[in-house]
């Protein structure tokens, strides 16, 4: 039940944002275009909200996997940074000489 409510809220939030953006862009053209743009924007926003709510668990899983993998690579990253800093310091002393 919580998942269904969350999905509905997500859809509504994106539909509202899409409607506002579509209405604003259509309003630049005219009154009729504003209502059409708002309707189209709301539809697109609802679709995006539905897809995002469905994909969110997969995105979070990918983010946590990536952050776990970054922990493994940390020693290599630190080594590369220190090597780059050392090369930078050497080039600065050569320029000064």
Protein backbone atom coordinates (compact mmCIF):
# COMPACT_ATOMS: atom_id res chain seq x y z
CA UNK A 1 0.00 0.00 0.00
CA UNK A 2 2.84 2.38 0.88
CA UNK A 3 4.42 1.74 -2.51
CA UNK A 4 1.19 2.57 -4.34
CA UNK A 5 0.75 5.81 -2.43
CA UNK A 6 4.39 6.74 -3.09
CA UNK A 7 3.97 6.07 -6.79
CA UNK A 8 0.80 8.18 -6.92
CA UNK A 9 2.49 11.06 -5.11
CA UNK A 10 5.47 10.86 -7.44
CA UNK A 11 3.18 10.90 -10.47
CA UNK A 12 1.25 13.88 -9.11
CA UNK A 13 4.41 15.82 -8.28
CA UNK A 14 5.92 15.37 -11.72
CA UNK A 15 2.56 16.04 -13.40
CA UNK A 16 2.25 19.34 -11.53
CA UNK A 17 5.76 20.39 -12.46
CA UNK A 18 5.25 19.31 -16.08
CA UNK A 19 1.95 21.16 -16.27
CA UNK A 20 3.49 24.34 -14.91
CA UNK A 21 6.42 24.22 -17.32
CA UNK A 22 4.20 23.34 -20.28
CA UNK A 23 1.75 26.10 -19.40
CA UNK A 24 4.53 28.65 -19.06
CA UNK A 25 6.06 27.73 -22.41
CA UNK A 26 2.68 27.66 -24.13
CA UNK A 27 1.80 30.97 -22.54
CA UNK A 28 4.59 32.58 -24.48
CA UNK A 29 2.65 31.79 -27.64
CA UNK A 30 -0.95 32.39 -26.58
CA UNK A 31 -3.83 31.49 -24.30
CA UNK A 32 -4.85 28.38 -26.21
CA UNK A 33 -1.29 27.18 -26.45
CA UNK A 34 -0.90 27.65 -22.69
CA UNK A 35 -3.71 25.24 -21.89
CA UNK A 36 -2.51 22.75 -24.48
CA UNK A 37 1.06 23.00 -23.20
CA UNK A 38 -0.10 22.55 -19.62
CA UNK A 39 -2.08 19.45 -20.52
CA UNK A 40 0.75 17.97 -22.54
CA UNK A 41 3.30 18.85 -19.84
CA UNK A 42 1.17 17.23 -17.17
CA UNK A 43 0.86 14.06 -19.23
CA UNK A 44 4.59 13.88 -19.82
CA UNK A 45 5.26 14.67 -16.15
CA UNK A 46 2.94 11.87 -15.02
CA UNK A 47 4.68 9.41 -17.32
CA UNK A 48 8.11 10.48 -16.06
CA UNK A 49 6.90 10.23 -12.45
CA UNK A 50 5.56 6.73 -13.03
CA UNK A 51 8.75 5.54 -14.69
CA UNK A 52 10.97 7.15 -12.05
CA UNK A 53 9.00 5.62 -9.19
CA UNK A 54 9.34 2.22 -10.87
CA UNK A 55 13.06 2.65 -11.55
CA UNK A 56 14.02 4.21 -8.18
CA UNK A 57 14.85 0.90 -6.40
CA UNK A 58 17.17 -0.10 -9.25
CA UNK A 59 18.87 3.30 -9.24
CA UNK A 60 19.47 3.13 -5.48
CA UNK A 61 20.88 -0.38 -5.81
CA UNK A 62 23.25 0.79 -8.55
CA UNK A 63 24.36 3.77 -6.46
CA UNK A 64 25.12 1.61 -3.44
CA UNK A 65 27.03 -0.88 -5.60
CA UNK A 66 29.05 1.93 -7.13
CA UNK A 67 29.91 3.45 -3.77
CA UNK A 68 30.99 0.02 -2.50
CA UNK A 69 33.26 -0.38 -5.52
CA UNK A 70 34.76 3.05 -4.98
CA UNK A 71 35.86 1.95 -1.53
CA UNK A 72 37.89 -0.85 -3.12
CA UNK A 73 39.54 1.55 -5.57
CA UNK A 74 40.40 4.18 -2.93
CA UNK A 75 44.08 3.16 -2.50
CA UNK A 76 44.64 3.38 -6.26
CA UNK A 77 42.95 6.77 -6.43
CA UNK A 78 45.11 8.11 -3.59
CA UNK A 79 48.25 6.77 -5.26
CA UNK A 80 47.33 8.46 -8.55
CA UNK A 81 46.63 11.75 -6.76
CA UNK A 82 49.96 11.69 -4.96
CA UNK A 83 51.78 10.90 -8.20
CA UNK A 84 50.02 13.78 -9.96
CA UNK A 85 50.87 16.17 -7.10
CA UNK A 86 54.50 15.06 -7.20
CA UNK A 87 54.69 15.65 -10.98
CA UNK A 88 53.07 19.05 -10.55
CA UNK A 89 55.60 20.04 -7.88
CA UNK A 90 58.50 18.89 -10.07
CA UNK A 91 57.25 20.88 -13.05
CA UNK A 92 56.88 23.99 -10.89
CA UNK A 93 60.47 23.72 -9.62
CA UNK A 94 61.73 23.27 -13.21
CA UNK A 95 59.83 26.40 -14.29
CA UNK A 96 61.32 28.41 -11.45
CA UNK A 97 64.87 27.34 -12.32
